[in-house]
C-alpha atoms as a PDB file:
ATOM      1  CA  UNK A   1       0.000   0.000   0.000  1.00  0.00           C
ATOM      2  CA  UNK A   2       1.422   3.372  -1.066  1.00  0.00           C
ATOM      3  CA  UNK A   3       0.811   6.954   0.054  1.00  0.00           C
ATOM      4  CA  UNK A   4      -1.430   8.673  -2.534  1.00  0.00           C
ATOM      5  CA  UNK A   5      -0.049  11.647  -4.407  1.00  0.00           C
ATOM      6  CA  UNK A   6      -1.363  15.039  -3.325  1.00  0.00           C
ATOM      7  CA  UNK A   7      -3.349  16.351  -6.319  1.00  0.00           C
ATOM      8  CA  UNK A   8      -3.507  19.879  -4.937  1.00  0.00           C
ATOM      9  CA  UNK A   9       0.265  20.092  -4.492  1.00  0.00           C
ATOM     10  CA  UNK A  10       0.932  18.559  -7.896  1.00  0.00           C
ATOM     11  CA  UNK A  11      -1.356  21.145  -9.482  1.00  0.00           C
ATOM     12  CA  UNK A  12       0.327  24.062  -7.680  1.00  0.00           C
ATOM     13  CA  UNK A  13       3.749  22.797  -8.701  1.00  0.00           C
ATOM     14  CA  UNK A  14       2.691  22.525 -12.343  1.00  0.00           C
ATOM     15  CA  UNK A  15       0.952  25.906 -12.453  1.00  0.00           C
ATOM     16  CA  UNK A  16      -2.648  24.692 -12.682  1.00  0.00           C
ATOM     17  CA  UNK A  17      -5.088  27.053 -10.888  1.00  0.00           C
ATOM     18  CA  UNK A  18      -7.144  25.442  -8.133  1.00  0.00           C
ATOM     19  CA  UNK A  19     -10.699  26.504  -7.230  1.00  0.00           C
ATOM     20  CA  UNK A  20     -11.888  25.835  -3.698  1.00  0.00           C
ATOM     21  CA  UNK A  21     -14.781  26.046  -1.269  1.00  0.00           C
ATOM     22  CA  UNK A  22     -14.794  26.650   2.501  1.00  0.00           C
ATOM     23  CA  UNK A  23     -16.429  24.082   4.790  1.00  0.00           C
ATOM     24  CA  UNK A  24     -17.647  25.414   8.121  1.00  0.00           C
ATOM     25  CA  UNK A  25     -20.912  23.563   8.762  1.00  0.00           C
ATOM     26  CA  UNK A  26     -18.981  20.832  10.614  1.00  0.00           C
ATOM     27  CA  UNK A  27     -21.109  18.113   9.065  1.00  0.00           C
ATOM     28  CA  UNK A  28     -19.918  15.127   7.067  1.00  0.00           C
ATOM     29  CA  UNK A  29     -23.389  14.984   5.482  1.00  0.00           C
ATOM     30  CA  UNK A  30     -23.161  18.595   4.276  1.00  0.00           C
ATOM     31  CA  UNK A  31     -19.609  17.965   3.085  1.00  0.00           C
ATOM     32  CA  UNK A  32     -20.781  14.940   1.115  1.00  0.00           C
ATOM     33  CA  UNK A  33     -23.421  17.109  -0.567  1.00  0.00           C
ATOM     34  CA  UNK A  34     -20.756  19.442  -2.021  1.00  0.00           C
ATOM     35  CA  UNK A  35     -17.981  16.869  -2.479  1.00  0.00           C
ATOM     36  CA  UNK A  36     -19.150  15.868  -5.944  1.00  0.00           C
ATOM     37  CA  UNK A  37     -19.502  19.408  -7.288  1.00  0.00           C
ATOM     38  CA  UNK A  38     -16.054  19.338  -8.888  1.00  0.00           C
ATOM     39  CA  UNK A  39     -14.033  21.740  -6.742  1.00  0.00           C
ATOM     40  CA  UNK A  40     -10.287  21.136  -6.723  1.00  0.00           C
ATOM     41  CA  UNK A  41      -9.892  21.655  -2.976  1.00  0.00           C
ATOM     42  CA  UNK A  42     -12.158  21.955   0.047  1.00  0.00           C
ATOM     43  CA  UNK A  43     -11.069  23.745   3.206  1.00  0.00           C
ATOM     44  CA  UNK A  44     -12.224  22.155   6.455  1.00  0.00           C
ATOM     45  CA  UNK A  45     -12.133  25.020   8.922  1.00  0.00           C
ATOM     46  CA  UNK A  46     -11.529  24.637  12.649  1.00  0.00           C
ATOM     47  CA  UNK A  47     -10.674  28.296  13.343  1.00  0.00           C
ATOM     48  CA  UNK A  48     -14.120  29.808  12.786  1.00  0.00           C
ATOM     49  CA  UNK A  49     -16.425  26.804  13.078  1.00  0.00           C
ATOM     50  CA  UNK A  50     -17.455  24.219  15.703  1.00  0.00           C
ATOM     51  CA  UNK A  51     -15.381  21.506  13.986  1.00  0.00           C
ATOM     52  CA  UNK A  52     -13.427  19.209  16.292  1.00  0.00           C
ATOM     53  CA  UNK A  53     -11.055  16.319  15.623  1.00  0.00           C
ATOM     54  CA  UNK A  54     -13.856  13.798  15.155  1.00  0.00           C
ATOM     55  CA  UNK A  55     -15.899  15.946  12.786  1.00  0.00           C
ATOM     56  CA  UNK A  56     -12.774  16.730  10.758  1.00  0.00           C
ATOM     57  CA  UNK A  57     -11.964  13.021  10.504  1.00  0.00           C
ATOM     58  CA  UNK A  58     -15.521  12.199   9.425  1.00  0.00           C
ATOM     59  CA  UNK A  59     -15.255  14.748   6.624  1.00  0.00           C
ATOM     60  CA  UNK A  60     -11.860  13.408   5.554  1.00  0.00           C
ATOM     61  CA  UNK A  61     -13.426   9.944   5.363  1.00  0.00           C
ATOM     62  CA  UNK A  62     -16.250  11.249   3.169  1.00  0.00           C
ATOM     63  CA  UNK A  63     -13.880  13.142   0.877  1.00  0.00           C
ATOM     64  CA  UNK A  64     -11.624  10.117   0.398  1.00  0.00           C
ATOM     65  CA  UNK A  65     -14.191   8.831  -2.107  1.00  0.00           C
ATOM     66  CA  UNK A  66     -13.962  11.968  -4.278  1.00  0.00           C
ATOM     67  CA  UNK A  67     -11.239  13.458  -6.516  1.00  0.00           C
ATOM     68  CA  UNK A  68     -10.877  16.591  -4.386  1.00  0.00           C
ATOM     69  CA  UNK A  69      -8.118  17.533  -1.954  1.00  0.00           C
ATOM     70  CA  UNK A  70      -9.138  18.425   1.602  1.00  0.00           C
ATOM     71  CA  UNK A  71      -7.081  21.101   3.336  1.00  0.00           C
ATOM     72  CA  UNK A  72      -7.609  21.592   7.082  1.00  0.00           C
ATOM     73  CA  UNK A  73      -7.202  24.918   8.840  1.00  0.00           C
ATOM     74  CA  UNK A  74      -6.151  24.384  12.462  1.00  0.00           C
ATOM     75  CA  UNK A  75      -7.310  27.041  14.884  1.00  0.00           C
ATOM     76  CA  UNK A  76      -3.703  27.986  15.643  1.00  0.00           C
ATOM     77  CA  UNK A  77      -0.089  27.239  14.755  1.00  0.00           C
ATOM     78  CA  UNK A  78       0.020  24.546  17.444  1.00  0.00           C
ATOM     79  CA  UNK A  79       2.377  21.598  16.967  1.00  0.00           C
ATOM     80  CA  UNK A  80       0.284  19.246  19.110  1.00  0.00           C
ATOM     81  CA  UNK A  81      -2.896  19.949  17.154  1.00  0.00           C
ATOM     82  CA  UNK A  82      -0.996  19.706  13.864  1.00  0.00           C
ATOM     83  CA  UNK A  83       0.321  16.279  14.839  1.00  0.00           C
ATOM     84  CA  UNK A  84      -3.207  15.043  15.535  1.00  0.00           C
ATOM     85  CA  UNK A  85      -4.640  16.462  12.302  1.00  0.00           C
ATOM     86  CA  UNK A  86      -1.874  14.857  10.264  1.00  0.00           C
ATOM     87  CA  UNK A  87      -2.347  11.536  12.037  1.00  0.00           C
ATOM     88  CA  UNK A  88      -6.017  11.411  11.032  1.00  0.00           C
ATOM     89  CA  UNK A  89      -4.987  11.945   7.426  1.00  0.00           C
ATOM     90  CA  UNK A  90      -5.110  15.653   6.581  1.00  0.00           C
ATOM     91  CA  UNK A  91      -3.149  15.961   3.317  1.00  0.00           C
ATOM     92  CA  UNK A  92      -2.607  19.678   3.780  1.00  0.00           C
ATOM     93  CA  UNK A  93      -2.880  22.417   6.386  1.00  0.00           C
ATOM     94  CA  UNK A  94      -3.600  26.150   6.224  1.00  0.00           C
ATOM     95  CA  UNK A  95      -1.945  27.841   9.188  1.00  0.00           C
ATOM     96  CA  UNK A  96      -3.755  31.010  10.364  1.00  0.00           C
ATOM     97  CA  UNK A  97      -2.151  34.288  11.440  1.00  0.00           C
ATOM     98  CA  UNK A  98       1.460  33.638  10.437  1.00  0.00           C
ATOM     99  CA  UNK A  99       3.235  36.911  11.117  1.00  0.00           C
ATOM    100  CA  UNK A 100       6.932  36.203  10.634  1.00  0.00           C
ATOM    101  CA  UNK A 101       9.449  33.940   8.928  1.00  0.00           C
ATOM    102  CA  UNK A 102      10.090  32.250  12.275  1.00  0.00           C
ATOM    103  CA  UNK A 103       6.398  31.414  12.689  1.00  0.00           C
ATOM    104  CA  UNK A 104       6.340  29.937   9.180  1.00  0.00           C
ATOM    105  CA  UNK A 105       9.367  27.832  10.044  1.00  0.00           C
ATOM    106  CA  UNK A 106       7.568  26.555  13.152  1.00  0.00           C
ATOM    107  CA  UNK A 107       4.558  25.626  11.052  1.00  0.00           C
ATOM    108  CA  UNK A 108       6.709  23.605   8.678  1.00  0.00           C
ATOM    109  CA  UNK A 109       8.571  21.954  11.552  1.00  0.00           C
ATOM    110  CA  UNK A 110       5.275  20.795  13.054  1.00  0.00           C
ATOM    111  CA  UNK A 111       4.555  18.827   9.862  1.00  0.00           C
ATOM    112  CA  UNK A 112       7.990  17.158   9.613  1.00  0.00           C
ATOM    113  CA  UNK A 113       9.379  14.189  11.475  1.00  0.00           C
ATOM    114  CA  UNK A 114      12.780  14.478  13.186  1.00  0.00           C
ATOM    115  CA  UNK A 115      15.478  15.296  12.329  1.00  0.00           C
ATOM    116  CA  UNK A 116      13.771  17.817  10.015  1.00  0.00           C
ATOM    117  CA  UNK A 117      10.993  18.814  12.416  1.00  0.00           C
ATOM    118  CA  UNK A 118       9.164  18.007  15.617  1.00  0.00           C
ATOM    119  CA  UNK A 119       6.199  15.862  14.572  1.00  0.00           C
ATOM    120  CA  UNK A 120       5.711  12.942  16.932  1.00  0.00           C
ATOM    121  CA  UNK A 121       5.909   9.454  15.433  1.00  0.00           C
ATOM    122  CA  UNK A 122       3.164   6.835  15.493  1.00  0.00           C
ATOM    123  CA  UNK A 123       3.394   3.707  13.385  1.00  0.00           C
ATOM    124  CA  UNK A 124      -0.345   3.017  13.218  1.00  0.00           C
ATOM    125  CA  UNK A 125      -2.600   5.929  12.206  1.00  0.00           C
ATOM    126  CA  UNK A 126      -5.307   6.614   9.664  1.00  0.00           C
ATOM    127  CA  UNK A 127      -2.750   8.697   7.759  1.00  0.00           C
ATOM    128  CA  UNK A 128      -0.403   5.770   7.121  1.00  0.00           C
ATOM    129  CA  UNK A 129      -3.129   3.223   6.424  1.00  0.00           C
ATOM    130  CA  UNK A 130      -2.805   1.901   9.972  1.00  0.00           C
ATOM    131  CA  UNK A 131       0.795   0.965   9.310  1.00  0.00           C
ATOM    132  CA  UNK A 132       0.203  -0.533   5.861  1.00  0.00           C
ATOM    133  CA  UNK A 133       1.786   2.233   3.766  1.00  0.00           C
ATOM    134  CA  UNK A 134       5.345   1.132   3.102  1.00  0.00           C
ATOM    135  CA  UNK A 135       6.501   4.548   1.826  1.00  0.00           C
ATOM    136  CA  UNK A 136       4.676   6.837   4.258  1.00  0.00           C
ATOM    137  CA  UNK A 137       7.662   8.000   6.300  1.00  0.00           C
ATOM    138  CA  UNK A 138       9.837   8.568   3.228  1.00  0.00           C
ATOM    139  CA  UNK A 139       7.248  10.522   1.208  1.00  0.00           C
ATOM    140  CA  UNK A 140       4.831  12.263   3.564  1.00  0.00           C
ATOM    141  CA  UNK A 141       6.845  15.502   3.769  1.00  0.00           C
ATOM    142  CA  UNK A 142       6.732  16.024  -0.009  1.00  0.00           C
ATOM    143  CA  UNK A 143       3.035  15.092  -0.151  1.00  0.00           C
ATOM    144  CA  UNK A 144       1.789  17.342   2.695  1.00  0.00           C
ATOM    145  CA  UNK A 145       0.696  20.835   1.648  1.00  0.00           C
ATOM    146  CA  UNK A 146       1.805  23.590   4.025  1.00  0.00           C
ATOM    147  CA  UNK A 147       0.008  26.876   3.367  1.00  0.00           C
ATOM    148  CA  UNK A 148       0.558  29.897   5.596  1.00  0.00           C
ATOM    149  CA  UNK A 149      -1.963  32.676   6.034  1.00  0.00           C
ATOM    150  CA  UNK A 150      -0.961  36.338   6.235  1.00  0.00           C
ATOM    151  CA  UNK A 151      -3.670  38.464   7.812  1.00  0.00           C
ATOM    152  CA  UNK A 152      -2.157  41.805   8.880  1.00  0.00           C
ATOM    153  CA  UNK A 153      -0.244  44.701   7.373  1.00  0.00           C
ATOM    154  CA  UNK A 154       2.860  43.629   9.290  1.00  0.00           C
ATOM    155  CA  UNK A 155       2.630  40.121   7.869  1.00  0.00           C
ATOM    156  CA  UNK A 156       2.133  41.441   4.341  1.00  0.00           C
ATOM    157  CA  UNK A 157       5.352  43.423   4.688  1.00  0.00           C
ATOM    158  CA  UNK A 158       7.157  40.158   5.441  1.00  0.00           C
ATOM    159  CA  UNK A 159       5.130  37.963   3.083  1.00  0.00           C
ATOM    160  CA  UNK A 160       7.956  37.393   0.605  1.00  0.00           C
ATOM    161  CA  UNK A 161      10.306  36.184   3.347  1.00  0.00           C
ATOM    162  CA  UNK A 162       7.507  34.069   4.792  1.00  0.00           C
ATOM    163  CA  UNK A 163       6.765  32.525   1.419  1.00  0.00           C
ATOM    164  CA  UNK A 164      10.425  31.677   0.791  1.00  0.00           C
ATOM    165  CA  UNK A 165      10.664  29.466   3.889  1.00  0.00           C
ATOM    166  CA  UNK A 166      11.701  25.966   2.873  1.00  0.00           C
ATOM    167  CA  UNK A 167       8.654  23.712   3.089  1.00  0.00           C
ATOM    168  CA  UNK A 168       6.053  26.444   2.607  1.00  0.00           C
ATOM    169  CA  UNK A 169       3.972  25.530  -0.446  1.00  0.00           C
ATOM    170  CA  UNK A 170       1.906  28.698  -0.690  1.00  0.00           C
ATOM    171  CA  UNK A 171       0.865  31.974   0.927  1.00  0.00           C
ATOM    172  CA  UNK A 172      -2.802  32.688   1.567  1.00  0.00           C
ATOM    173  CA  UNK A 173      -4.021  36.269   1.959  1.00  0.00           C
ATOM    174  CA  UNK A 174      -6.870  36.682   4.461  1.00  0.00           C
ATOM    175  CA  UNK A 175      -8.712  39.812   3.257  1.00  0.00           C
ATOM    176  CA  UNK A 176     -11.224  39.931   6.122  1.00  0.00           C
ATOM    177  CA  UNK A 177      -8.549  40.180   8.814  1.00  0.00           C
ATOM    178  CA  UNK A 178      -6.358  42.421   6.682  1.00  0.00           C
ATOM    179  CA  UNK A 179      -9.326  44.767   6.285  1.00  0.00           C
ATOM    180  CA  UNK A 180      -9.895  44.751  10.045  1.00  0.00           C
ATOM    181  CA  UNK A 181      -6.216  45.535  10.649  1.00  0.00           C
ATOM    182  CA  UNK A 182      -6.596  48.502   8.297  1.00  0.00           C
ATOM    183  CA  UNK A 183      -9.618  49.835  10.185  1.00  0.00           C
ATOM    184  CA  UNK A 184     -12.002  48.522   7.522  1.00  0.00           C
ATOM    185  CA  UNK A 185     -13.737  45.826   9.552  1.00  0.00           C
ATOM    186  CA  UNK A 186     -16.353  43.992   7.508  1.00  0.00           C
ATOM    187  CA  UNK A 187     -15.081  45.373   4.189  1.00  0.00           C
ATOM    188  CA  UNK A 188     -12.764  42.673   2.761  1.00  0.00           C
ATOM    189  CA  UNK A 189     -13.360  43.755  -0.845  1.00  0.00           C
ATOM    190  CA  UNK A 190     -12.608  47.436  -0.210  1.00  0.00           C
ATOM    191  CA  UNK A 191     -10.230  48.638  -2.953  1.00  0.00           C
ATOM    192  CA  UNK A 192      -7.718  49.800  -0.314  1.00  0.00           C
ATOM    193  CA  UNK A 193      -7.411  46.221   0.968  1.00  0.00           C
ATOM    194  CA  UNK A 194      -6.567  44.879  -2.465  1.00  0.00           C
ATOM    195  CA  UNK A 195      -4.232  47.774  -3.217  1.00  0.00           C
ATOM    196  CA  UNK A 196      -2.223  46.400  -0.299  1.00  0.00           C
ATOM    197  CA  UNK A 197      -2.578  42.706  -1.177  1.00  0.00           C
ATOM    198  CA  UNK A 198      -1.937  42.814  -4.912  1.00  0.00           C
ATOM    199  CA  UNK A 199       1.672  44.124  -4.922  1.00  0.00           C
ATOM    200  CA  UNK A 200       2.669  41.593  -2.244  1.00  0.00           C
ATOM    201  CA  UNK A 201       0.973  38.821  -4.208  1.00  0.00           C
ATOM    202  CA  UNK A 202       2.788  39.855  -7.395  1.00  0.00           C
ATOM    203  CA  UNK A 203       6.166  39.725  -5.636  1.00  0.00           C
ATOM    204  CA  UNK A 204       5.434  36.216  -4.407  1.00  0.00           C
ATOM    205  CA  UNK A 205       4.209  35.067  -7.821  1.00  0.00           C
ATOM    206  CA  UNK A 206       7.345  36.477  -9.464  1.00  0.00           C
ATOM    207  CA  UNK A 207       9.415  34.558  -6.893  1.00  0.00           C
ATOM    208  CA  UNK A 208       7.613  31.336  -7.794  1.00  0.00           C
ATOM    209  CA  UNK A 209       5.526  31.127  -4.608  1.00  0.00           C
ATOM    210  CA  UNK A 210       1.862  30.146  -5.180  1.00  0.00           C
ATOM    211  CA  UNK A 211      -0.642  32.566  -3.645  1.00  0.00           C
ATOM    212  CA  UNK A 212      -4.278  32.125  -2.708  1.00  0.00           C
ATOM    213  CA  UNK A 213      -7.236  33.714  -0.971  1.00  0.00           C
ATOM    214  CA  UNK A 214     -10.961  33.453  -0.195  1.00  0.00           C
ATOM    215  CA  UNK A 215     -13.515  35.799  -1.776  1.00  0.00           C
ATOM    216  CA  UNK A 216     -17.281  35.515  -2.122  1.00  0.00           C
ATOM    217  CA  UNK A 217     -17.735  37.228  -5.490  1.00  0.00           C
ATOM    218  CA  UNK A 218     -17.414  34.714  -8.380  1.00  0.00           C
ATOM    219  CA  UNK A 219     -16.371  37.402 -10.859  1.00  0.00           C
ATOM    220  CA  UNK A 220     -13.694  38.663  -8.466  1.00  0.00           C
ATOM    221  CA  UNK A 221     -12.485  35.092  -7.905  1.00  0.00           C
ATOM    222  CA  UNK A 222     -12.136  34.604 -11.657  1.00  0.00           C
ATOM    223  CA  UNK A 223     -10.219  37.871 -12.009  1.00  0.00           C
ATOM    224  CA  UNK A 224      -7.762  36.861  -9.289  1.00  0.00           C
ATOM    225  CA  UNK A 225      -7.118  33.533 -10.998  1.00  0.00           C
ATOM    226  CA  UNK A 226      -6.503  35.453 -14.226  1.00  0.00           C
ATOM    227  CA  UNK A 227      -3.993  37.654 -12.365  1.00  0.00           C
ATOM    228  CA  UNK A 228      -1.974  34.617 -11.346  1.00  0.00           C
ATOM    229  CA  UNK A 229      -3.460  33.583  -8.006  1.00  0.00           C
ATOM    230  CA  UNK A 230      -2.903  29.835  -7.834  1.00  0.00           C
ATOM    231  CA  UNK A 231      -5.639  28.737  -5.434  1.00  0.00           C
ATOM    232  CA  UNK A 232      -8.807  30.707  -4.775  1.00  0.00           C
ATOM    233  CA  UNK A 233     -11.805  29.699  -2.671  1.00  0.00           C
ATOM    234  CA  UNK A 234     -14.971  31.315  -3.997  1.00  0.00           C
ATOM    235  CA  UNK A 235     -17.528  30.618  -1.281  1.00  0.00           C
ATOM    236  CA  UNK A 236     -18.486  28.542   1.734  1.00  0.00           C
ATOM    237  CA  UNK A 237     -21.058  25.908   2.592  1.00  0.00           C
ATOM    238  CA  UNK A 238     -22.563  28.077   5.333  1.00  0.00           C
ATOM    239  CA  UNK A 239     -22.886  31.117   3.060  1.00  0.00           C
ATOM    240  CA  UNK A 240     -24.386  29.028   0.258  1.00  0.00           C
ATOM    241  CA  UNK A 241     -27.006  27.663   2.643  1.00  0.00           C
ATOM    242  CA  UNK A 242     -27.850  30.974   4.311  1.00  0.00           C
ATOM    243  CA  UNK A 243     -27.929  33.070   1.143  1.00  0.00           C
ATOM    244  CA  UNK A 244     -29.772  30.351  -0.765  1.00  0.00           C
ATOM    245  CA  UNK A 245     -32.442  30.242   1.937  1.00  0.00           C
ATOM    246  CA  UNK A 246     -32.716  34.052   1.879  1.00  0.00           C
ATOM    247  CA  UNK A 247     -33.039  34.130  -1.919  1.00  0.00           C
ATOM    248  CA  UNK A 248     -35.624  31.364  -1.974  1.00  0.00           C
ATOM    249  CA  UNK A 249     -37.866  33.122   0.550  1.00  0.00           C
ATOM    250  CA  UNK A 250     -37.519  36.475  -1.243  1.00  0.00           C
ATOM    251  CA  UNK A 251     -38.503  34.854  -4.535  1.00  0.00           C
ATOM    252  CA  UNK A 252     -41.589  33.188  -3.062  1.00  0.00           C
ATOM    253  CA  UNK A 253     -42.677  36.311  -1.189  1.00  0.00           C
ATOM    254  CA  UNK A 254     -41.986  38.443  -4.229  1.00  0.00           C
END
């Protein structure tokens, strides 16, 4: 039994844009409903949702039957939590609020076994097929996506150095938190926010570092992909449900 290749990473490395969707409903049933839609990657969020280790694992189990790559966002850059998420089979992680090169290095170290990192070793986990994968220890580092999220003006200033850290596979810009840091809380699509993000993103792209983000306007998502963003999430399960319910009621009342 061999470790599967990471489709998301292979696509980033070959320059193929990846379209994603956020998952915050914390339900394997809801995740199954969107799993077959054809997205390239689905982000299982534990920072801003009631997801826990068991609900994340249930969603990973559902998604294993579909040609889509799950990425899990831990609620913090915590090596213990990272170890547990990797052991249940997360093929990639999005680390929130990475502010410095040193914090990016810690994120990478949490995903690597010694002597290259600090991940604890278990020989029998869901990730390694309960000990059946003969190449797991030799290949898991190259098949685990490590994405770091920059969410403040200070982090954007250091984003190129952050993105150049060995083992970082991409830099994700968080426009909602960047907007808040700029005094524009609740205005993630404000032009001033993107006037700050775009030059930093261009520098990373020119340096060969894939960049990504989350926006809720499909036309804006398409424009960012056209500008060279490598991985863009264009919505979330919770927003689809809430806005769909709102639109349905408006249409019937109207």
